[in-house]
C-alpha cells in the first residue's frame, strides 16, 4: 500500500458519490488502483528520477502535477473495473494525457 495518494485527494477530480459507487465503498479497491497507477508511473520515470523519493512524499511535499497524473490514472483504472464499455471520454482523455506526459518526462 502506498500513501502517496490520499482518499481526500480525489475530491478535486471526482465526486465522492461516484467514487463510492465505483468501489462499492471498498477502500481496498481504491488502494489496488492507486498501486497500479503508481507502478505504471514508475515504469516510465524510474530511469531518470528517484521514484522512491517522489512516491514516498506526503502532504504538501508531493509534487502537484505528479499527484494529479497519478489520480487521473487511478481513476481510469477504477472506471475500467466498473464498466470499461461505458468509460467516459473525459476519463480516457485524462488517462491518455497522463501517459503522454509520462512518455515526455521519460525522455
N, C-alpha and C. Protein backbone atom coordinates (compact mmCIF):
# COMPACT_ATOMS: atom_id res chain seq x y z
N UNK A 1 0.84 -1.19 0.00
CA UNK A 1 0.00 0.00 0.00
C UNK A 1 0.88 1.24 0.00
N UNK A 2 0.56 2.16 -0.85
CA UNK A 2 1.31 3.40 -0.97
C UNK A 2 0.49 4.53 -0.37
N UNK A 3 1.13 5.45 0.30
CA UNK A 3 0.43 6.57 0.93
C UNK A 3 0.56 7.87 0.14
N UNK A 4 1.04 7.77 -1.09
CA UNK A 4 1.22 8.97 -1.90
C UNK A 4 -0.11 9.66 -2.18
N UNK A 5 -1.13 8.88 -2.54
CA UNK A 5 -2.46 9.43 -2.80
C UNK A 5 -3.32 9.18 -1.57
N UNK A 6 -4.00 10.21 -1.13
CA UNK A 6 -4.94 10.10 -0.01
C UNK A 6 -6.36 10.16 -0.57
N UNK A 7 -7.29 9.53 0.10
CA UNK A 7 -8.66 9.48 -0.41
C UNK A 7 -9.23 10.88 -0.64
N UNK A 8 -8.91 11.83 0.23
CA UNK A 8 -9.44 13.18 0.07
C UNK A 8 -8.85 13.90 -1.16
N UNK A 9 -7.74 13.39 -1.71
CA UNK A 9 -7.17 13.97 -2.92
C UNK A 9 -8.10 13.82 -4.12
N UNK A 10 -8.96 12.83 -4.07
CA UNK A 10 -9.88 12.59 -5.18
C UNK A 10 -10.95 13.67 -5.30
N UNK A 11 -11.18 14.40 -4.23
CA UNK A 11 -12.26 15.39 -4.23
C UNK A 11 -12.16 16.39 -5.38
N UNK A 12 -10.97 16.72 -5.81
CA UNK A 12 -10.78 17.69 -6.88
C UNK A 12 -10.94 17.07 -8.27
N UNK A 13 -11.06 15.73 -8.36
CA UNK A 13 -11.10 15.07 -9.65
C UNK A 13 -12.39 14.28 -9.91
N UNK A 14 -13.07 13.86 -8.82
CA UNK A 14 -14.26 13.02 -8.98
C UNK A 14 -15.15 13.21 -7.75
N UNK A 15 -16.45 13.22 -7.96
CA UNK A 15 -17.38 13.35 -6.85
C UNK A 15 -17.31 12.11 -5.96
N UNK A 16 -17.41 12.33 -4.67
CA UNK A 16 -17.33 11.25 -3.69
C UNK A 16 -18.36 10.17 -3.96
N UNK A 17 -19.57 10.57 -4.34
CA UNK A 17 -20.64 9.60 -4.60
C UNK A 17 -20.27 8.67 -5.76
N UNK A 18 -19.65 9.24 -6.78
CA UNK A 18 -19.25 8.43 -7.93
C UNK A 18 -18.12 7.48 -7.54
N UNK A 19 -17.15 8.00 -6.79
CA UNK A 19 -16.05 7.16 -6.32
C UNK A 19 -16.57 6.00 -5.47
N UNK A 20 -17.47 6.30 -4.57
CA UNK A 20 -18.04 5.24 -3.72
C UNK A 20 -18.84 4.24 -4.53
N UNK A 21 -19.52 4.71 -5.56
CA UNK A 21 -20.28 3.82 -6.42
C UNK A 21 -19.34 2.89 -7.19
N UNK A 22 -18.26 3.44 -7.71
CA UNK A 22 -17.29 2.64 -8.47
C UNK A 22 -16.64 1.56 -7.61
N UNK A 23 -16.39 1.89 -6.37
CA UNK A 23 -15.66 0.98 -5.48
C UNK A 23 -16.57 0.18 -4.57
N UNK A 24 -17.87 0.50 -4.62
CA UNK A 24 -18.85 -0.10 -3.70
C UNK A 24 -18.39 0.14 -2.26
N UNK A 25 -17.83 1.34 -2.06
CA UNK A 25 -17.33 1.81 -0.76
C UNK A 25 -16.26 0.91 -0.15
N UNK A 26 -15.53 0.22 -1.01
CA UNK A 26 -14.44 -0.66 -0.56
C UNK A 26 -13.10 0.03 -0.83
N UNK A 27 -12.50 0.58 0.21
CA UNK A 27 -11.25 1.31 0.05
C UNK A 27 -10.11 0.43 -0.46
N UNK A 28 -10.21 -0.88 -0.30
CA UNK A 28 -9.18 -1.78 -0.82
C UNK A 28 -9.09 -1.69 -2.34
N UNK A 29 -10.23 -1.49 -2.98
CA UNK A 29 -10.25 -1.35 -4.44
C UNK A 29 -9.51 -0.08 -4.85
N UNK A 30 -9.71 0.99 -4.11
CA UNK A 30 -9.01 2.24 -4.39
C UNK A 30 -7.51 2.03 -4.25
N UNK A 31 -7.10 1.37 -3.19
CA UNK A 31 -5.67 1.13 -2.95
C UNK A 31 -5.04 0.30 -4.06
N UNK A 32 -5.77 -0.70 -4.55
CA UNK A 32 -5.27 -1.52 -5.65
C UNK A 32 -5.05 -0.67 -6.89
N UNK A 33 -6.01 0.17 -7.22
CA UNK A 33 -5.90 1.03 -8.40
C UNK A 33 -4.81 2.09 -8.23
N UNK A 34 -4.65 2.60 -7.02
CA UNK A 34 -3.56 3.54 -6.74
C UNK A 34 -2.21 2.87 -6.93
N UNK A 35 -2.07 1.65 -6.41
CA UNK A 35 -0.81 0.92 -6.56
C UNK A 35 -0.51 0.65 -8.04
N UNK A 36 -1.54 0.33 -8.80
CA UNK A 36 -1.36 0.10 -10.24
C UNK A 36 -0.93 1.39 -10.94
N UNK A 37 -1.57 2.50 -10.57
CA UNK A 37 -1.23 3.79 -11.18
C UNK A 37 0.21 4.16 -10.89
N UNK A 38 0.62 3.99 -9.66
CA UNK A 38 2.00 4.34 -9.28
C UNK A 38 2.99 3.40 -9.95
N UNK A 39 2.67 2.13 -10.04
CA UNK A 39 3.54 1.18 -10.74
C UNK A 39 3.69 1.58 -12.21
N UNK A 40 2.59 1.98 -12.81
CA UNK A 40 2.62 2.42 -14.21
C UNK A 40 3.50 3.66 -14.35
N UNK A 41 3.35 4.61 -13.44
CA UNK A 41 4.16 5.82 -13.50
C UNK A 41 5.64 5.51 -13.28
N UNK A 42 5.92 4.63 -12.34
CA UNK A 42 7.31 4.25 -12.07
C UNK A 42 7.96 3.66 -13.32
N UNK A 43 7.20 2.89 -14.08
CA UNK A 43 7.77 2.24 -15.27
C UNK A 43 8.27 3.26 -16.29
N UNK A 44 7.70 4.43 -16.29
CA UNK A 44 8.16 5.50 -17.19
C UNK A 44 9.26 6.35 -16.56
N UNK A 45 9.21 6.52 -15.26
CA UNK A 45 10.05 7.52 -14.59
C UNK A 45 11.33 6.96 -13.97
N UNK A 46 11.41 5.65 -13.74
CA UNK A 46 12.48 5.09 -12.92
C UNK A 46 13.89 5.36 -13.44
N UNK A 47 14.05 5.45 -14.75
CA UNK A 47 15.41 5.60 -15.29
C UNK A 47 15.97 7.01 -15.13
N UNK A 48 15.11 7.98 -14.87
CA UNK A 48 15.57 9.37 -14.76
C UNK A 48 15.33 10.00 -13.39
N UNK A 49 14.43 9.45 -12.61
CA UNK A 49 14.01 10.09 -11.37
C UNK A 49 14.07 9.12 -10.19
N UNK A 50 14.19 9.67 -9.02
CA UNK A 50 14.17 8.88 -7.79
C UNK A 50 12.71 8.63 -7.41
N UNK A 51 12.17 7.56 -7.94
CA UNK A 51 10.74 7.25 -7.72
C UNK A 51 10.43 6.97 -6.26
N UNK A 52 11.38 6.39 -5.54
CA UNK A 52 11.12 6.14 -4.12
C UNK A 52 10.90 7.46 -3.39
N UNK A 53 11.70 8.46 -3.70
CA UNK A 53 11.53 9.78 -3.07
C UNK A 53 10.24 10.44 -3.52
N UNK A 54 9.94 10.36 -4.80
CA UNK A 54 8.73 11.00 -5.34
C UNK A 54 7.48 10.41 -4.72
N UNK A 55 7.38 9.09 -4.70
CA UNK A 55 6.14 8.45 -4.27
C UNK A 55 6.07 8.15 -2.77
N UNK A 56 7.14 8.46 -2.05
CA UNK A 56 7.06 8.35 -0.59
C UNK A 56 6.72 9.70 0.05
N UNK A 57 6.69 10.74 -0.77
CA UNK A 57 6.33 12.07 -0.26
C UNK A 57 4.88 12.07 0.21
N UNK A 58 4.61 12.90 1.21
CA UNK A 58 3.25 13.02 1.74
C UNK A 58 2.89 14.50 1.88
N UNK A 59 1.60 14.75 2.03
CA UNK A 59 1.13 16.12 2.28
C UNK A 59 1.60 17.10 1.23
N UNK A 60 2.05 18.26 1.68
CA UNK A 60 2.48 19.32 0.77
C UNK A 60 3.82 19.04 0.10
N UNK A 61 4.50 17.97 0.50
CA UNK A 61 5.78 17.61 -0.13
C UNK A 61 5.58 16.89 -1.46
N UNK A 62 4.35 16.50 -1.76
CA UNK A 62 4.06 15.82 -3.03
C UNK A 62 4.04 16.85 -4.16
N UNK A 63 4.59 16.46 -5.29
CA UNK A 63 4.56 17.34 -6.46
C UNK A 63 3.14 17.34 -7.02
N UNK A 64 2.51 18.52 -7.12
CA UNK A 64 1.09 18.59 -7.52
C UNK A 64 0.81 17.98 -8.89
N UNK A 65 1.71 18.16 -9.84
CA UNK A 65 1.47 17.62 -11.18
C UNK A 65 1.58 16.10 -11.18
N UNK A 66 2.57 15.57 -10.48
CA UNK A 66 2.71 14.11 -10.38
C UNK A 66 1.47 13.53 -9.68
N UNK A 67 1.02 14.19 -8.63
CA UNK A 67 -0.17 13.74 -7.91
C UNK A 67 -1.40 13.76 -8.82
N UNK A 68 -1.58 14.82 -9.57
CA UNK A 68 -2.72 14.92 -10.47
C UNK A 68 -2.71 13.79 -11.50
N UNK A 69 -1.55 13.52 -12.07
CA UNK A 69 -1.45 12.45 -13.06
C UNK A 69 -1.72 11.09 -12.42
N UNK A 70 -1.20 10.88 -11.21
CA UNK A 70 -1.42 9.61 -10.52
C UNK A 70 -2.91 9.40 -10.25
N UNK A 71 -3.58 10.44 -9.84
CA UNK A 71 -5.02 10.34 -9.57
C UNK A 71 -5.80 10.06 -10.85
N UNK A 72 -5.44 10.75 -11.94
CA UNK A 72 -6.13 10.50 -13.21
C UNK A 72 -5.96 9.06 -13.66
N UNK A 73 -4.76 8.52 -13.49
CA UNK A 73 -4.51 7.13 -13.89
C UNK A 73 -5.28 6.18 -12.97
N UNK A 74 -5.28 6.45 -11.68
CA UNK A 74 -6.01 5.60 -10.73
C UNK A 74 -7.51 5.62 -11.03
N UNK A 75 -8.06 6.79 -11.30
CA UNK A 75 -9.49 6.90 -11.62
C UNK A 75 -9.80 6.13 -12.90
N UNK A 76 -8.94 6.23 -13.89
CA UNK A 76 -9.12 5.48 -15.13
C UNK A 76 -9.23 3.98 -14.82
N UNK A 77 -8.32 3.48 -13.98
CA UNK A 77 -8.35 2.06 -13.62
C UNK A 77 -9.62 1.71 -12.86
N UNK A 78 -10.08 2.61 -12.00
CA UNK A 78 -11.34 2.38 -11.27
C UNK A 78 -12.52 2.26 -12.24
N UNK A 79 -12.58 3.15 -13.21
CA UNK A 79 -13.67 3.10 -14.18
C UNK A 79 -13.59 1.84 -15.03
N UNK A 80 -12.38 1.40 -15.36
CA UNK A 80 -12.22 0.18 -16.16
C UNK A 80 -12.69 -1.05 -15.39
N UNK A 81 -12.53 -1.04 -14.08
CA UNK A 81 -13.03 -2.16 -13.27
C UNK A 81 -14.56 -2.20 -13.29
N UNK A 82 -15.15 -1.03 -13.27
CA UNK A 82 -16.61 -0.92 -13.15
C UNK A 82 -17.30 -1.34 -14.45
N UNK A 83 -17.03 -0.62 -15.53
CA UNK A 83 -17.66 -0.92 -16.80
C UNK A 83 -16.84 -0.28 -17.92
N UNK A 84 -15.85 -0.98 -18.43
CA UNK A 84 -14.97 -0.37 -19.44
C UNK A 84 -15.67 0.03 -20.74
N UNK A 85 -16.80 -0.61 -21.04
CA UNK A 85 -17.53 -0.25 -22.26
C UNK A 85 -18.21 1.11 -22.15
N UNK A 86 -18.45 1.57 -20.92
CA UNK A 86 -19.11 2.85 -20.72
C UNK A 86 -18.16 3.89 -20.15
N UNK A 87 -16.88 3.75 -20.46
CA UNK A 87 -15.87 4.68 -19.99
C UNK A 87 -16.10 6.03 -20.65
N UNK A 88 -16.21 7.08 -19.85
CA UNK A 88 -16.45 8.41 -20.42
C UNK A 88 -15.21 8.90 -21.16
N UNK A 89 -15.44 9.71 -22.15
CA UNK A 89 -14.34 10.22 -22.98
C UNK A 89 -13.38 11.07 -22.15
N UNK A 90 -13.89 11.81 -21.19
CA UNK A 90 -13.01 12.66 -20.39
C UNK A 90 -12.03 11.82 -19.57
N UNK A 91 -12.49 10.68 -19.05
CA UNK A 91 -11.58 9.80 -18.29
C UNK A 91 -10.53 9.21 -19.21
N UNK A 92 -10.93 8.80 -20.40
CA UNK A 92 -9.98 8.28 -21.38
C UNK A 92 -8.99 9.37 -21.78
N UNK A 93 -9.48 10.58 -22.03
CA UNK A 93 -8.60 11.69 -22.43
C UNK A 93 -7.60 12.03 -21.33
N UNK A 94 -8.05 12.04 -20.08
CA UNK A 94 -7.14 12.36 -18.97
C UNK A 94 -6.09 11.27 -18.80
N UNK A 95 -6.50 10.03 -18.97
CA UNK A 95 -5.54 8.93 -18.90
C UNK A 95 -4.52 9.06 -20.03
N UNK A 96 -5.00 9.28 -21.24
CA UNK A 96 -4.11 9.42 -22.39
C UNK A 96 -3.15 10.59 -22.20
N UNK A 97 -3.66 11.70 -21.64
CA UNK A 97 -2.80 12.86 -21.38
C UNK A 97 -1.72 12.51 -20.36
N UNK A 98 -2.09 11.77 -19.33
CA UNK A 98 -1.12 11.36 -18.31
C UNK A 98 -0.03 10.48 -18.92
N UNK A 99 -0.43 9.54 -19.77
CA UNK A 99 0.56 8.66 -20.40
C UNK A 99 1.47 9.45 -21.34
N UNK A 100 0.91 10.38 -22.08
CA UNK A 100 1.75 11.22 -22.96
C UNK A 100 2.73 12.05 -22.13
N UNK A 101 2.27 12.58 -21.01
CA UNK A 101 3.15 13.34 -20.13
C UNK A 101 4.26 12.44 -19.60
N UNK A 102 3.90 11.22 -19.20
CA UNK A 102 4.91 10.29 -18.69
C UNK A 102 5.93 9.94 -19.76
N UNK A 103 5.48 9.76 -20.99
CA UNK A 103 6.41 9.49 -22.09
C UNK A 103 7.38 10.66 -22.26
N UNK A 104 6.87 11.87 -22.13
CA UNK A 104 7.71 13.06 -22.26
C UNK A 104 8.75 13.15 -21.16
N UNK A 105 8.35 12.90 -19.91
CA UNK A 105 9.30 13.02 -18.82
C UNK A 105 10.30 11.88 -18.81
N UNK A 106 9.98 10.78 -19.47
CA UNK A 106 10.92 9.66 -19.51
C UNK A 106 12.04 9.88 -20.52
N UNK A 107 11.86 10.86 -21.41
CA UNK A 107 12.87 11.12 -22.45
C UNK A 107 13.91 12.09 -22.00
